[in-house]
Amino acid sequence: MLNKETTTGKIMKKKFSNLALIFSASFVLISCANTHNNKIMAGGLEIHDPLENLNRGIFAFNEVVDDALINPIIEGYRTVVPEPGRRGVKNFLRNIKSPITFANQLLQGDIDGAGKVFVRAVVNTLVGLGGIFDVAGYEGMKYESEDFGQTLGVWGVGHGPYLVVPFLGPSSLRDYTGYVVDSFADPLRWYLHNIDREELYYVKLGADYLDLRTSLIDVLQDLESSSIDYYATVRSTYYQNRDALMQDRLSAIEASVPAFPEYDDNF
């Protein structure tokens, strides 16, 4: 019988190795980006897609997987679980992500936003049955999605190369890096690992993925049916959505910074 500590050590070693592999791949992709300068303008935004041929191949693979596996699962989920139930799942997942959202608000310098995240988490946990009901939202405290990809954007880090990852879909080097950092730093992951229930975190990741894909399925089907080049349309839509989030975030941060007097006007 394997020693428990030895087994845990092997698991942790494997996870750190996987993380190192991800970041090593990132550096390789950056190198590719510097070698193949394939830039496209779409909707007023500059998109860097140096791996377009590879990305298109993975995109086509993901379409096959979606049609054969993912979309039928989503349709079954929407049939079995009514909209109020799906809304409760979304609210709960947002609530348990509050520590990551709170941390990113602070890293972006948005103290007011961080305070709202804290209040939302307390109210929805205590009054909303662990976050199943968005009581704070009903009272006008709107949910704001924040991730480390947005934080990097606020810090001035560009998207880097556009990436399409098998099963996960389109993003950018910056935003996938942000996803890895958020997942690795999640206090829930560390807590479940410490009590030897880390498998519950993977259940949570699966629920996140299902919730995200459920929210996107109608939009993606509309884009596919109305697009001449579905790949290019999804790529452009992704960048425009992330840019809109960044503009809202920068506006919110600027609004939360107190105005300083123009001393030159007083002399």
Protein backbone atom coordinates (compact mmCIF):
# COMPACT_ATOMS: atom_id res chain seq x y z
CA MET A 1 0.00 0.00 0.00
CA LEU A 2 1.44 3.39 -1.00
CA ASN A 3 2.34 5.81 1.74
CA LYS A 4 -0.16 8.67 1.76
CA GLU A 5 2.51 11.37 1.94
CA THR A 6 4.44 9.79 -0.93
CA THR A 7 1.29 9.71 -3.08
CA THR A 8 0.47 13.32 -2.25
CA GLY A 9 4.01 14.35 -3.06
CA LYS A 10 3.82 12.69 -6.46
CA ILE A 11 0.52 14.45 -7.19
CA MET A 12 1.97 17.84 -6.24
CA LYS A 13 5.11 17.17 -8.30
CA LYS A 14 2.95 16.32 -11.30
CA LYS A 15 0.90 19.51 -10.87
CA PHE A 16 3.97 21.71 -10.64
CA SER A 17 5.40 19.96 -13.69
CA ASN A 18 2.20 20.62 -15.62
CA LEU A 19 2.27 24.28 -14.59
CA ALA A 20 5.89 24.57 -15.68
CA LEU A 21 5.00 22.94 -18.98
CA ILE A 22 2.23 25.49 -19.56
CA PHE A 23 4.53 28.42 -18.97
CA SER A 24 7.28 26.84 -21.08
CA ALA A 25 4.78 26.48 -23.90
CA SER A 26 3.86 30.12 -23.42
CA PHE A 27 7.44 31.20 -23.98
CA VAL A 28 7.60 29.04 -27.10
CA LEU A 29 4.46 30.71 -28.39
CA ILE A 30 5.91 34.14 -27.69
CA SER A 31 8.96 33.16 -29.70
CA CYS A 32 6.70 32.05 -32.55
CA ALA A 33 4.88 35.35 -32.32
CA ASN A 34 8.12 37.24 -32.74
CA THR A 35 9.03 35.14 -35.77
CA HIS A 36 5.68 35.18 -37.57
CA ASN A 37 4.19 38.65 -37.42
CA ASN A 38 0.61 37.92 -38.55
CA LYS A 39 -1.53 40.86 -37.44
CA ILE A 40 -5.16 41.46 -38.42
CA MET A 41 -7.36 44.49 -37.87
CA ALA A 42 -10.95 43.69 -36.89
CA GLY A 43 -13.50 46.08 -35.44
CA GLY A 44 -10.78 48.67 -34.84
CA LEU A 45 -8.72 46.18 -32.81
CA GLU A 46 -5.34 44.73 -33.71
CA ILE A 47 -5.34 40.94 -33.45
CA HIS A 48 -2.12 38.95 -33.40
CA ASP A 49 -2.71 35.46 -34.79
CA PRO A 50 0.71 34.01 -35.72
CA LEU A 51 -0.54 30.43 -35.36
CA GLU A 52 -3.61 30.86 -37.54
CA ASN A 53 -3.21 27.62 -39.54
CA LEU A 54 -2.77 25.57 -36.35
CA ASN A 55 -5.56 27.49 -34.59
CA ARG A 56 -7.95 26.85 -37.46
CA GLY A 57 -7.20 23.12 -37.29
CA ILE A 58 -7.88 23.02 -33.55
CA PHE A 59 -10.98 25.17 -34.06
CA ALA A 60 -12.31 22.62 -36.58
CA PHE A 61 -11.54 19.80 -34.15
CA ASN A 62 -13.42 21.61 -31.38
CA GLU A 63 -16.43 22.02 -33.68
CA VAL A 64 -16.55 18.24 -34.19
CA VAL A 65 -16.28 17.64 -30.44
CA ASP A 66 -18.98 20.24 -29.77
CA ASP A 67 -21.41 18.68 -32.24
CA ALA A 68 -20.73 15.12 -31.09
CA LEU A 69 -20.38 15.58 -27.34
CA ILE A 70 -20.54 19.04 -25.75
CA ASN A 71 -23.73 20.41 -27.32
CA PRO A 72 -25.79 17.24 -26.62
CA ILE A 73 -24.68 17.41 -22.97
CA ILE A 74 -25.69 21.08 -22.81
CA GLU A 75 -29.06 20.38 -24.39
CA GLY A 76 -29.63 17.57 -21.89
CA TYR A 77 -28.64 19.86 -19.02
CA ARG A 78 -31.06 22.55 -20.20
CA THR A 79 -33.83 19.94 -20.56
CA VAL A 80 -33.32 18.37 -17.14
CA VAL A 81 -32.52 21.52 -15.15
CA PRO A 82 -35.00 24.42 -15.58
CA GLU A 83 -33.74 27.99 -15.96
CA PRO A 84 -34.17 28.92 -12.25
CA GLY A 85 -32.04 25.91 -11.32
CA ARG A 86 -29.35 26.83 -13.84
CA ARG A 87 -29.41 30.40 -12.51
CA GLY A 88 -28.89 29.05 -8.99
CA VAL A 89 -25.87 27.04 -10.18
CA LYS A 90 -24.41 30.14 -11.85
CA ASN A 91 -24.96 32.24 -8.73
CA PHE A 92 -23.32 29.60 -6.51
CA LEU A 93 -20.28 29.30 -8.79
CA ARG A 94 -19.88 33.07 -8.87
CA ASN A 95 -20.12 33.24 -5.10
CA ILE A 96 -17.41 30.65 -4.39
CA LYS A 97 -15.17 32.50 -6.85
CA SER A 98 -15.43 35.65 -4.72
CA PRO A 99 -11.89 35.39 -3.21
CA ILE A 100 -10.33 35.39 -6.68
CA THR A 101 -12.57 38.25 -7.85
CA PHE A 102 -11.78 40.20 -4.67
CA ALA A 103 -8.02 39.69 -5.12
CA ASN A 104 -8.12 40.85 -8.74
CA GLN A 105 -10.08 43.96 -7.80
CA LEU A 106 -7.36 44.83 -5.29
CA LEU A 107 -4.58 44.08 -7.77
CA GLN A 108 -6.27 46.43 -10.23
CA GLY A 109 -6.41 49.17 -7.60
CA ASP A 110 -10.21 49.19 -7.46
CA ILE A 111 -10.87 49.43 -3.72
CA ASP A 112 -14.54 50.29 -4.22
CA GLY A 113 -14.99 47.24 -6.45
CA ALA A 114 -13.25 45.01 -3.91
CA GLY A 115 -15.59 46.28 -1.20
CA LYS A 116 -18.62 45.44 -3.32
CA VAL A 117 -17.30 41.92 -3.94
CA PHE A 118 -16.86 41.44 -0.19
CA VAL A 119 -20.36 42.69 0.63
CA ARG A 120 -21.90 40.57 -2.14
CA ALA A 121 -20.14 37.47 -0.85
CA VAL A 122 -21.26 38.04 2.75
CA VAL A 123 -24.87 38.86 1.86
CA ASN A 124 -25.31 36.05 -0.66
CA THR A 125 -23.61 33.46 1.56
CA LEU A 126 -25.61 34.30 4.67
CA VAL A 127 -28.96 35.30 3.16
CA GLY A 128 -28.82 33.67 -0.27
CA LEU A 129 -28.33 30.10 0.95
CA GLY A 130 -24.63 29.92 0.21
CA GLY A 131 -24.95 32.03 -2.92
CA ILE A 132 -27.68 30.10 -4.71
CA PHE A 133 -29.79 33.25 -4.63
CA ASP A 134 -28.18 36.53 -5.71
CA VAL A 135 -29.79 38.63 -2.98
CA ALA A 136 -27.19 41.38 -3.36
CA GLY A 137 -27.96 41.56 -7.08
CA TYR A 138 -31.65 41.93 -6.35
CA GLU A 139 -30.72 44.93 -4.18
CA GLY A 140 -28.85 46.58 -7.04
CA MET A 141 -25.29 45.43 -6.29
CA LYS A 142 -24.36 44.19 -9.75
CA TYR A 143 -21.99 41.25 -10.23
CA GLU A 144 -18.70 42.09 -11.94
CA SER A 145 -16.54 39.33 -13.41
CA GLU A 146 -12.83 39.90 -12.78
CA ASP A 147 -9.92 37.63 -13.65
CA PHE A 148 -6.15 37.85 -13.73
CA GLY A 149 -6.22 38.25 -17.50
CA GLN A 150 -8.08 41.53 -16.99
CA THR A 151 -5.65 42.45 -14.24
CA LEU A 152 -2.72 41.96 -16.60
CA GLY A 153 -4.56 44.12 -19.12
CA VAL A 154 -4.99 46.90 -16.53
CA TRP A 155 -1.26 46.64 -15.86
CA GLY A 156 -0.62 47.29 -19.54
CA VAL A 157 0.12 43.74 -20.70
CA GLY A 158 -1.09 43.09 -24.24
CA HIS A 159 -3.00 40.02 -25.39
CA GLY A 160 -0.04 38.40 -27.07
CA PRO A 161 -0.82 35.72 -29.65
CA TYR A 162 -4.37 34.49 -30.15
CA LEU A 163 -4.77 30.84 -29.13
CA VAL A 164 -7.34 28.13 -29.71
CA VAL A 165 -6.92 25.28 -27.22
CA PRO A 166 -8.48 21.83 -27.71
CA PHE A 167 -11.82 21.55 -25.85
CA LEU A 168 -11.35 24.94 -24.12
CA GLY A 169 -11.66 27.14 -27.19
CA PRO A 170 -10.43 30.62 -28.14
CA SER A 171 -8.51 33.03 -25.96
CA SER A 172 -5.12 34.73 -25.91
CA LEU A 173 -1.80 34.01 -24.27
CA ARG A 174 -2.45 36.71 -21.70
CA ASP A 175 -5.93 35.50 -20.80
CA TYR A 176 -4.99 31.81 -20.66
CA THR A 177 -2.07 32.75 -18.41
CA GLY A 178 -4.55 34.63 -16.23
CA TYR A 179 -6.80 31.56 -16.10
CA VAL A 180 -3.89 29.36 -14.97
CA VAL A 181 -2.88 31.84 -12.26
CA ASP A 182 -6.46 32.22 -10.98
CA SER A 183 -6.94 28.45 -10.86
CA PHE A 184 -3.63 27.82 -9.12
CA ALA A 185 -4.15 30.60 -6.55
CA ASP A 186 -7.78 29.73 -5.75
CA PRO A 187 -8.09 29.28 -1.95
CA LEU A 188 -10.82 26.70 -2.52
CA ARG A 189 -8.37 24.51 -4.46
CA TRP A 190 -5.79 24.71 -1.68
CA TYR A 191 -8.39 24.01 1.01
CA LEU A 192 -9.76 20.94 -0.77
CA HIS A 193 -6.24 19.70 -1.39
CA ASN A 194 -5.38 20.04 2.31
CA ILE A 195 -8.38 17.91 3.32
CA ASP A 196 -7.67 15.35 0.56
CA ARG A 197 -10.84 16.23 -1.36
CA GLU A 198 -9.21 17.85 -4.35
CA GLU A 199 -11.47 15.87 -6.67
CA LEU A 200 -14.26 18.24 -5.62
CA TYR A 201 -12.31 21.10 -7.18
CA TYR A 202 -12.29 19.30 -10.51
CA VAL A 203 -16.05 18.86 -10.17
CA LYS A 204 -16.24 22.62 -9.66
CA LEU A 205 -14.12 23.22 -12.79
CA GLY A 206 -16.43 20.93 -14.74
CA ALA A 207 -19.45 22.85 -13.48
CA ASP A 208 -17.77 26.14 -14.47
CA TYR A 209 -17.16 24.80 -17.97
CA LEU A 210 -20.73 23.52 -18.33
CA ASP A 211 -22.16 26.82 -17.09
CA LEU A 212 -19.97 28.82 -19.48
CA ARG A 213 -20.75 26.68 -22.49
CA THR A 214 -24.47 26.73 -21.68
CA SER A 215 -24.43 30.53 -21.64
CA LEU A 216 -22.62 30.62 -25.01
CA ILE A 217 -24.34 27.90 -27.02
CA ASP A 218 -27.09 30.07 -28.53
CA VAL A 219 -24.70 32.93 -29.30
CA LEU A 220 -22.20 30.62 -30.99
CA GLN A 221 -24.89 28.91 -33.04
CA ASP A 222 -26.16 32.31 -34.22
CA LEU A 223 -22.62 33.37 -35.15
CA GLU A 224 -22.01 30.14 -37.04
CA SER A 225 -25.23 30.41 -39.04
CA SER A 226 -24.63 34.05 -39.99
CA SER A 227 -20.87 33.97 -40.66
CA ILE A 228 -18.99 33.48 -43.89
CA ASP A 229 -15.82 32.75 -41.92
CA TYR A 230 -16.90 31.37 -38.54
CA TYR A 231 -13.34 31.19 -37.21
CA ALA A 232 -12.64 34.85 -37.99
CA THR A 233 -15.99 35.93 -36.55
CA VAL A 234 -15.38 34.13 -33.25
CA ARG A 235 -11.86 35.56 -33.08
CA SER A 236 -13.09 39.12 -33.64
CA THR A 237 -15.99 38.69 -31.20
CA TYR A 238 -13.67 37.39 -28.49
CA TYR A 239 -11.35 40.40 -28.76
CA GLN A 240 -14.22 42.87 -28.87
CA ASN A 241 -15.82 41.37 -25.76
CA ARG A 242 -12.54 41.41 -23.83
CA ASP A 243 -11.87 44.98 -24.98
CA ALA A 244 -15.33 46.02 -23.75
CA LEU A 245 -14.60 44.46 -20.36
CA MET A 246 -11.27 46.27 -20.20
CA GLN A 247 -12.81 49.64 -21.10
CA ASP A 248 -15.47 49.20 -18.41
CA ARG A 249 -12.82 48.17 -15.92
CA LEU A 250 -10.55 51.14 -16.67
CA SER A 251 -13.52 53.51 -16.48
CA ALA A 252 -14.56 52.03 -13.12
CA ILE A 253 -11.04 52.36 -11.73
CA GLU A 254 -10.72 55.95 -12.92
CA ALA A 255 -14.11 56.78 -11.37
CA SER A 256 -13.05 55.28 -8.02
CA VAL A 257 -9.90 57.42 -7.80
CA PRO A 258 -10.57 60.69 -5.93
CA ALA A 259 -9.97 63.83 -7.94
CA PHE A 260 -6.99 65.87 -6.77
CA PRO A 261 -7.15 69.66 -6.89
CA GLU A 262 -5.33 71.44 -9.68
CA TYR A 263 -2.91 73.39 -7.53
CA ASP A 264 -1.69 75.41 -10.49
CA ASP A 265 -5.13 77.03 -10.63
CA ASN A 266 -4.70 78.35 -7.09
CA PHE A 267 -1.54 80.36 -7.78
